[in-house]
């Protein structure tokens, strides 16, 4: 058909690039003590079906990470954070099919500023290359 129309055929589709890396984390604290995480992530244009795996380390970025859930949107609520946690490191990885983006880590430090627990710091963690 393309030869008859004297136009070149479209290029063969190549593999879709891996999902992006989450950035600009935001954290909110619910009255129940749950933590609401939000982030941005630039994924390749024209792709769909990205999910975000959320892992948590209660001992900081040097500790082991445990998968606590996944989300199909750029938001996750951590309802299982232990009472009295002083600092937590979250790792978020964008995943689409068998392709994985580069994980992003960020620390959340808690402090008491008045009644109840409040979030005092959200800072990205620089990962080793």
N, C-alpha and C. Protein backbone atom coordinates (compact mmCIF):
# COMPACT_ATOMS: atom_id res chain seq x y z
N UNK A 1 0.82 -1.17 0.00
CA UNK A 1 0.00 0.00 0.00
C UNK A 1 0.88 1.25 0.00
N UNK A 2 1.95 1.27 0.79
CA UNK A 2 2.80 2.44 0.85
C UNK A 2 3.52 2.67 -0.48
N UNK A 3 3.94 1.57 -1.12
CA UNK A 3 4.61 1.69 -2.42
C UNK A 3 3.65 2.27 -3.45
N UNK A 4 2.41 1.79 -3.44
CA UNK A 4 1.42 2.31 -4.38
C UNK A 4 1.17 3.79 -4.16
N UNK A 5 1.14 4.20 -2.91
CA UNK A 5 0.91 5.61 -2.58
C UNK A 5 2.18 6.44 -2.71
N UNK A 6 3.31 5.76 -2.91
CA UNK A 6 4.62 6.39 -3.06
C UNK A 6 5.00 7.23 -1.82
N UNK A 7 4.73 6.64 -0.66
CA UNK A 7 5.15 7.25 0.61
C UNK A 7 5.88 6.19 1.42
N UNK A 8 6.83 6.61 2.24
CA UNK A 8 7.56 5.62 3.04
C UNK A 8 6.67 5.07 4.16
N UNK A 9 6.87 3.81 4.49
CA UNK A 9 6.10 3.24 5.60
C UNK A 9 6.52 3.89 6.92
N UNK A 10 5.64 3.86 7.92
CA UNK A 10 6.03 4.43 9.22
C UNK A 10 7.14 3.58 9.84
N UNK A 11 7.95 4.18 10.68
CA UNK A 11 9.03 3.42 11.31
C UNK A 11 8.46 2.34 12.24
N UNK A 12 9.21 1.28 12.37
CA UNK A 12 8.82 0.21 13.30
C UNK A 12 8.86 0.78 14.72
N UNK A 13 7.84 0.48 15.51
CA UNK A 13 7.88 0.99 16.89
C UNK A 13 9.00 0.32 17.68
N UNK A 14 9.69 1.11 18.45
CA UNK A 14 10.75 0.59 19.31
C UNK A 14 10.22 0.37 20.70
N UNK A 15 11.07 -0.14 21.57
CA UNK A 15 10.61 -0.34 22.95
C UNK A 15 10.32 0.99 23.63
N UNK A 16 9.31 1.00 24.45
CA UNK A 16 8.95 2.20 25.20
C UNK A 16 9.99 2.42 26.30
N UNK A 17 10.45 3.64 26.46
CA UNK A 17 11.43 3.90 27.52
C UNK A 17 10.86 3.59 28.91
N UNK A 18 11.75 3.42 29.85
CA UNK A 18 11.36 3.16 31.24
C UNK A 18 10.60 4.37 31.79
N UNK A 19 9.77 4.15 32.80
CA UNK A 19 9.08 5.27 33.44
C UNK A 19 10.08 6.25 34.06
N UNK A 20 9.59 7.42 34.43
CA UNK A 20 10.44 8.45 35.01
C UNK A 20 10.79 8.20 36.46
N UNK A 21 11.47 9.18 37.04
CA UNK A 21 11.87 9.14 38.45
C UNK A 21 11.01 10.12 39.24
N UNK A 22 10.34 9.67 40.29
CA UNK A 22 9.55 10.59 41.11
C UNK A 22 10.41 11.72 41.69
N UNK A 23 9.80 12.91 41.81
CA UNK A 23 10.51 14.07 42.36
C UNK A 23 9.49 14.99 43.05
N UNK A 24 10.01 16.00 43.72
CA UNK A 24 9.20 16.96 44.48
C UNK A 24 8.18 16.29 45.40
N UNK A 25 8.68 15.50 46.36
CA UNK A 25 7.74 14.86 47.30
C UNK A 25 7.09 15.87 48.22
N UNK A 26 5.84 15.59 48.54
CA UNK A 26 5.09 16.38 49.52
C UNK A 26 4.46 15.39 50.50
N UNK A 27 4.35 15.81 51.73
CA UNK A 27 3.84 14.93 52.77
C UNK A 27 2.78 15.67 53.57
N UNK A 28 1.70 14.96 53.88
CA UNK A 28 0.67 15.49 54.75
C UNK A 28 0.40 14.51 55.88
N UNK A 29 -0.07 15.00 56.97
CA UNK A 29 -0.35 14.18 58.14
C UNK A 29 -1.84 14.22 58.43
N UNK A 30 -2.48 13.06 58.45
CA UNK A 30 -3.91 12.99 58.76
C UNK A 30 -4.11 12.90 60.27
N UNK A 31 -5.31 13.21 60.75
CA UNK A 31 -5.59 13.15 62.19
C UNK A 31 -5.42 11.74 62.73
N UNK A 32 -5.60 10.74 61.89
CA UNK A 32 -5.45 9.34 62.30
C UNK A 32 -4.00 8.95 62.53
N UNK A 33 -3.06 9.82 62.10
CA UNK A 33 -1.63 9.50 62.19
C UNK A 33 -1.08 8.96 60.89
N UNK A 34 -1.94 8.75 59.89
CA UNK A 34 -1.49 8.26 58.59
C UNK A 34 -0.75 9.38 57.86
N UNK A 35 0.18 8.99 57.01
CA UNK A 35 0.97 9.91 56.21
C UNK A 35 0.47 9.86 54.77
N UNK A 36 0.20 11.01 54.18
CA UNK A 36 -0.20 11.08 52.77
C UNK A 36 1.01 11.58 51.98
N UNK A 37 1.47 10.78 51.03
CA UNK A 37 2.61 11.11 50.18
C UNK A 37 2.09 11.53 48.81
N UNK A 38 2.63 12.59 48.26
CA UNK A 38 2.34 13.04 46.90
C UNK A 38 3.68 13.31 46.23
N UNK A 39 3.75 13.15 44.92
CA UNK A 39 4.98 13.42 44.19
C UNK A 39 4.64 13.73 42.74
N UNK A 40 5.64 14.19 42.02
CA UNK A 40 5.52 14.40 40.58
C UNK A 40 6.40 13.35 39.90
N UNK A 41 6.09 13.05 38.64
CA UNK A 41 6.91 12.11 37.89
C UNK A 41 6.63 12.32 36.41
N UNK A 42 7.67 12.58 35.64
CA UNK A 42 7.54 12.77 34.20
C UNK A 42 7.79 11.43 33.51
N UNK A 43 6.74 10.85 32.97
CA UNK A 43 6.84 9.58 32.26
C UNK A 43 6.89 9.84 30.76
N UNK A 44 7.42 8.89 29.98
CA UNK A 44 7.50 9.09 28.53
C UNK A 44 6.13 9.38 27.93
N UNK A 45 6.12 10.29 26.97
CA UNK A 45 4.88 10.69 26.31
C UNK A 45 4.23 9.49 25.63
N UNK A 46 2.91 9.41 25.74
CA UNK A 46 2.16 8.36 25.07
C UNK A 46 2.13 7.03 25.81
N UNK A 47 2.66 7.00 27.03
CA UNK A 47 2.63 5.75 27.79
C UNK A 47 1.51 5.80 28.82
N UNK A 48 0.99 4.64 29.13
CA UNK A 48 -0.05 4.51 30.15
C UNK A 48 0.26 3.30 31.00
N UNK A 49 -0.45 3.17 32.09
CA UNK A 49 -0.32 1.99 32.93
C UNK A 49 0.82 2.01 33.91
N UNK A 50 1.33 3.19 34.24
CA UNK A 50 2.41 3.27 35.23
C UNK A 50 1.84 3.16 36.63
N UNK A 51 2.45 2.33 37.45
CA UNK A 51 2.11 2.26 38.87
C UNK A 51 3.35 2.66 39.66
N UNK A 52 3.15 2.98 40.90
CA UNK A 52 4.23 3.43 41.76
C UNK A 52 4.32 2.51 42.96
N UNK A 53 5.45 1.81 43.08
CA UNK A 53 5.69 0.97 44.25
C UNK A 53 6.24 1.86 45.36
N UNK A 54 5.72 1.68 46.56
CA UNK A 54 6.15 2.49 47.71
C UNK A 54 6.76 1.54 48.74
N UNK A 55 8.00 1.82 49.07
CA UNK A 55 8.72 1.06 50.09
C UNK A 55 9.08 2.02 51.22
N UNK A 56 9.28 1.46 52.41
CA UNK A 56 9.57 2.29 53.58
C UNK A 56 10.67 1.64 54.41
N UNK A 57 11.55 2.49 54.93
CA UNK A 57 12.56 2.06 55.90
C UNK A 57 12.37 2.88 57.16
N UNK A 58 12.20 2.20 58.27
CA UNK A 58 12.02 2.90 59.54
C UNK A 58 13.34 3.28 60.19
N UNK A 59 14.44 2.79 59.62
CA UNK A 59 15.76 3.08 60.20
C UNK A 59 16.56 4.02 59.32
N UNK A 60 15.91 4.74 58.44
CA UNK A 60 16.61 5.67 57.56
C UNK A 60 17.05 5.00 56.27
N UNK A 61 17.75 5.76 55.43
CA UNK A 61 18.11 5.27 54.11
C UNK A 61 19.11 4.13 54.15
N UNK A 62 19.75 3.88 55.30
CA UNK A 62 20.71 2.77 55.39
C UNK A 62 20.02 1.46 55.77
N UNK A 63 18.75 1.52 56.13
CA UNK A 63 18.03 0.31 56.55
C UNK A 63 17.36 -0.39 55.39
N UNK A 64 16.85 -1.58 55.67
CA UNK A 64 16.15 -2.36 54.65
C UNK A 64 14.79 -1.74 54.35
N UNK A 65 14.41 -1.77 53.08
CA UNK A 65 13.11 -1.25 52.67
C UNK A 65 12.11 -2.37 52.56
N UNK A 66 10.89 -2.10 53.02
CA UNK A 66 9.78 -3.05 52.96
C UNK A 66 8.71 -2.47 52.05
N UNK A 67 8.22 -3.28 51.11
CA UNK A 67 7.13 -2.85 50.24
C UNK A 67 5.88 -2.67 51.09
N UNK A 68 5.30 -1.45 51.06
CA UNK A 68 4.09 -1.21 51.86
C UNK A 68 2.87 -1.01 50.98
N UNK A 69 3.06 -0.94 49.65
CA UNK A 69 1.92 -0.82 48.77
C UNK A 69 2.28 -0.26 47.41
N UNK A 70 1.26 -0.05 46.61
CA UNK A 70 1.43 0.50 45.26
C UNK A 70 0.23 1.38 44.95
N UNK A 71 0.43 2.28 43.99
CA UNK A 71 -0.63 3.21 43.62
C UNK A 71 -0.59 3.46 42.12
N UNK A 72 -1.76 3.60 41.52
CA UNK A 72 -1.86 3.92 40.10
C UNK A 72 -1.86 5.42 39.85
N UNK A 73 -1.78 6.21 40.91
CA UNK A 73 -1.70 7.67 40.82
C UNK A 73 -0.50 8.13 41.64
N UNK A 74 -0.17 9.40 41.56
CA UNK A 74 1.02 9.93 42.24
C UNK A 74 0.70 10.35 43.66
N UNK A 75 0.06 9.45 44.39
CA UNK A 75 -0.31 9.68 45.78
C UNK A 75 -0.45 8.33 46.47
N UNK A 76 -0.05 8.29 47.74
CA UNK A 76 -0.17 7.06 48.52
C UNK A 76 -0.37 7.45 49.98
N UNK A 77 -1.23 6.73 50.67
CA UNK A 77 -1.45 6.96 52.10
C UNK A 77 -0.85 5.81 52.88
N UNK A 78 0.11 6.13 53.74
CA UNK A 78 0.75 5.13 54.61
C UNK A 78 -0.01 5.11 55.93
N UNK A 79 -0.86 4.10 56.08
CA UNK A 79 -1.67 3.96 57.29
C UNK A 79 -1.03 3.00 58.29
N UNK A 80 0.17 2.51 57.99
CA UNK A 80 0.79 1.49 58.85
C UNK A 80 2.05 1.99 59.54
N UNK A 81 2.29 3.30 59.52
CA UNK A 81 3.50 3.81 60.17
C UNK A 81 3.38 3.62 61.68
N UNK A 82 4.39 3.01 62.30
CA UNK A 82 4.31 2.76 63.74
C UNK A 82 4.29 4.05 64.57
N UNK A 83 3.51 4.06 65.62
CA UNK A 83 3.45 5.19 66.53
C UNK A 83 4.83 5.44 67.11
N UNK A 84 5.22 6.70 67.18
CA UNK A 84 6.50 7.05 67.78
C UNK A 84 7.66 7.04 66.82
N UNK A 85 7.41 6.80 65.54
CA UNK A 85 8.50 6.82 64.56
C UNK A 85 9.09 8.23 64.51
N UNK A 86 10.42 8.33 64.58
CA UNK A 86 11.07 9.64 64.55
C UNK A 86 11.45 10.07 63.16
N UNK A 87 11.89 9.13 62.34
CA UNK A 87 12.27 9.43 60.96
C UNK A 87 11.98 8.21 60.11
N UNK A 88 11.53 8.47 58.89
CA UNK A 88 11.19 7.40 57.96
C UNK A 88 11.77 7.77 56.60
N UNK A 89 12.28 6.79 55.87
CA UNK A 89 12.70 7.02 54.49
C UNK A 89 11.77 6.24 53.59
N UNK A 90 11.22 6.93 52.60
CA UNK A 90 10.35 6.30 51.60
C UNK A 90 11.13 6.16 50.30
N UNK A 91 10.87 5.08 49.58
CA UNK A 91 11.43 4.88 48.26
C UNK A 91 10.27 4.62 47.31
N UNK A 92 10.17 5.42 46.25
CA UNK A 92 9.09 5.29 45.29
C UNK A 92 9.70 4.97 43.93
N UNK A 93 9.18 3.91 43.29
CA UNK A 93 9.66 3.47 41.98
C UNK A 93 8.49 3.40 41.02
N UNK A 94 8.63 4.07 39.88
CA UNK A 94 7.62 3.99 38.82
C UNK A 94 7.85 2.68 38.05
N UNK A 95 6.76 1.91 37.80
CA UNK A 95 6.86 0.62 37.13
C UNK A 95 5.77 0.55 36.06
N UNK A 96 6.16 0.09 34.88
CA UNK A 96 5.20 -0.13 33.80
C UNK A 96 5.60 -1.43 33.12
N UNK A 97 4.75 -2.44 33.21
CA UNK A 97 5.02 -3.77 32.66
C UNK A 97 6.30 -4.30 33.29
N UNK A 98 7.31 -4.59 32.50
CA UNK A 98 8.57 -5.09 33.05
C UNK A 98 9.63 -4.01 33.17
N UNK A 99 9.27 -2.77 32.84
CA UNK A 99 10.23 -1.66 32.90
C UNK A 99 10.09 -0.93 34.23
N UNK A 100 11.23 -0.62 34.84
CA UNK A 100 11.27 0.07 36.12
C UNK A 100 12.05 1.37 35.96
N UNK A 101 11.51 2.44 36.51
CA UNK A 101 12.23 3.70 36.53
C UNK A 101 13.26 3.70 37.66
N UNK A 102 14.03 4.75 37.73
CA UNK A 102 15.00 4.91 38.80
C UNK A 102 14.26 5.26 40.08
N UNK A 103 14.50 4.52 41.17
CA UNK A 103 13.80 4.83 42.42
C UNK A 103 14.22 6.19 42.98
N UNK A 104 13.31 6.82 43.68
CA UNK A 104 13.59 8.07 44.38
C UNK A 104 13.37 7.83 45.87
N UNK A 105 14.25 8.35 46.68
CA UNK A 105 14.12 8.21 48.13
C UNK A 105 14.00 9.59 48.75
N UNK A 106 13.21 9.67 49.82
CA UNK A 106 13.17 10.91 50.59
C UNK A 106 12.87 10.60 52.03
N UNK A 107 13.43 11.46 52.90
CA UNK A 107 13.28 11.31 54.34
C UNK A 107 12.13 12.16 54.84
N UNK A 108 11.44 11.64 55.85
CA UNK A 108 10.42 12.40 56.56
C UNK A 108 10.81 12.34 58.03
N UNK A 109 11.08 13.51 58.61
CA UNK A 109 11.43 13.59 60.03
C UNK A 109 10.25 14.17 60.78
N UNK A 110 9.96 13.59 61.92
CA UNK A 110 8.81 14.01 62.70
C UNK A 110 9.28 14.73 63.95
N UNK A 111 8.46 15.67 64.41
CA UNK A 111 8.74 16.38 65.65
C UNK A 111 7.43 16.76 66.30
N UNK A 112 7.47 17.06 67.55
CA UNK A 112 6.26 17.44 68.26
C UNK A 112 6.25 18.96 68.38
N UNK A 113 5.28 19.58 67.71
CA UNK A 113 5.12 21.04 67.76
C UNK A 113 3.68 21.33 68.17
N UNK A 114 3.40 21.19 69.40
CA UNK A 114 2.03 21.38 69.85
C UNK A 114 1.36 20.03 70.03
N UNK A 115 0.06 20.00 69.95
CA UNK A 115 -0.65 18.74 70.18
C UNK A 115 -0.45 17.76 69.03
N UNK A 116 0.01 16.59 69.33
CA UNK A 116 0.14 15.54 68.33
C UNK A 116 1.42 15.61 67.54
N UNK A 117 1.49 14.76 66.55
CA UNK A 117 2.68 14.60 65.72
C UNK A 117 2.59 15.51 64.50
N UNK A 118 3.70 16.17 64.14
CA UNK A 118 3.72 17.00 62.94
C UNK A 118 4.92 16.64 62.09
N UNK A 119 4.81 16.83 60.81
CA UNK A 119 5.93 16.59 59.91
C UNK A 119 6.82 17.81 59.95
N UNK A 120 8.12 17.62 60.21
CA UNK A 120 9.02 18.75 60.28
C UNK A 120 9.93 18.89 59.05
N UNK A 121 10.27 17.80 58.38
CA UNK A 121 11.17 17.88 57.25
C UNK A 121 10.83 16.85 56.20
N UNK A 122 10.88 17.24 54.95
CA UNK A 122 10.83 16.31 53.82
C UNK A 122 12.03 16.66 52.97
N UNK A 123 12.95 15.73 52.81
CA UNK A 123 14.16 16.01 52.06
C UNK A 123 14.48 14.86 51.13
N UNK A 124 14.79 15.14 49.85
CA UNK A 124 15.20 14.06 48.94
C UNK A 124 16.51 13.46 49.42
N UNK A 125 16.69 12.18 49.19
CA UNK A 125 17.91 11.48 49.55
C UNK A 125 18.70 11.28 48.27
N UNK A 126 19.97 11.68 48.26
CA UNK A 126 20.82 11.45 47.10
C UNK A 126 21.25 9.99 47.12
N UNK A 127 20.93 9.29 46.03
CA UNK A 127 21.23 7.87 45.95
C UNK A 127 22.60 7.68 45.33
N UNK A 128 23.30 6.64 45.78
CA UNK A 128 24.62 6.32 45.21
C UNK A 128 24.44 5.88 43.76
N UNK A 129 25.42 6.24 42.94
CA UNK A 129 25.35 5.88 41.51
C UNK A 129 25.68 4.43 41.29
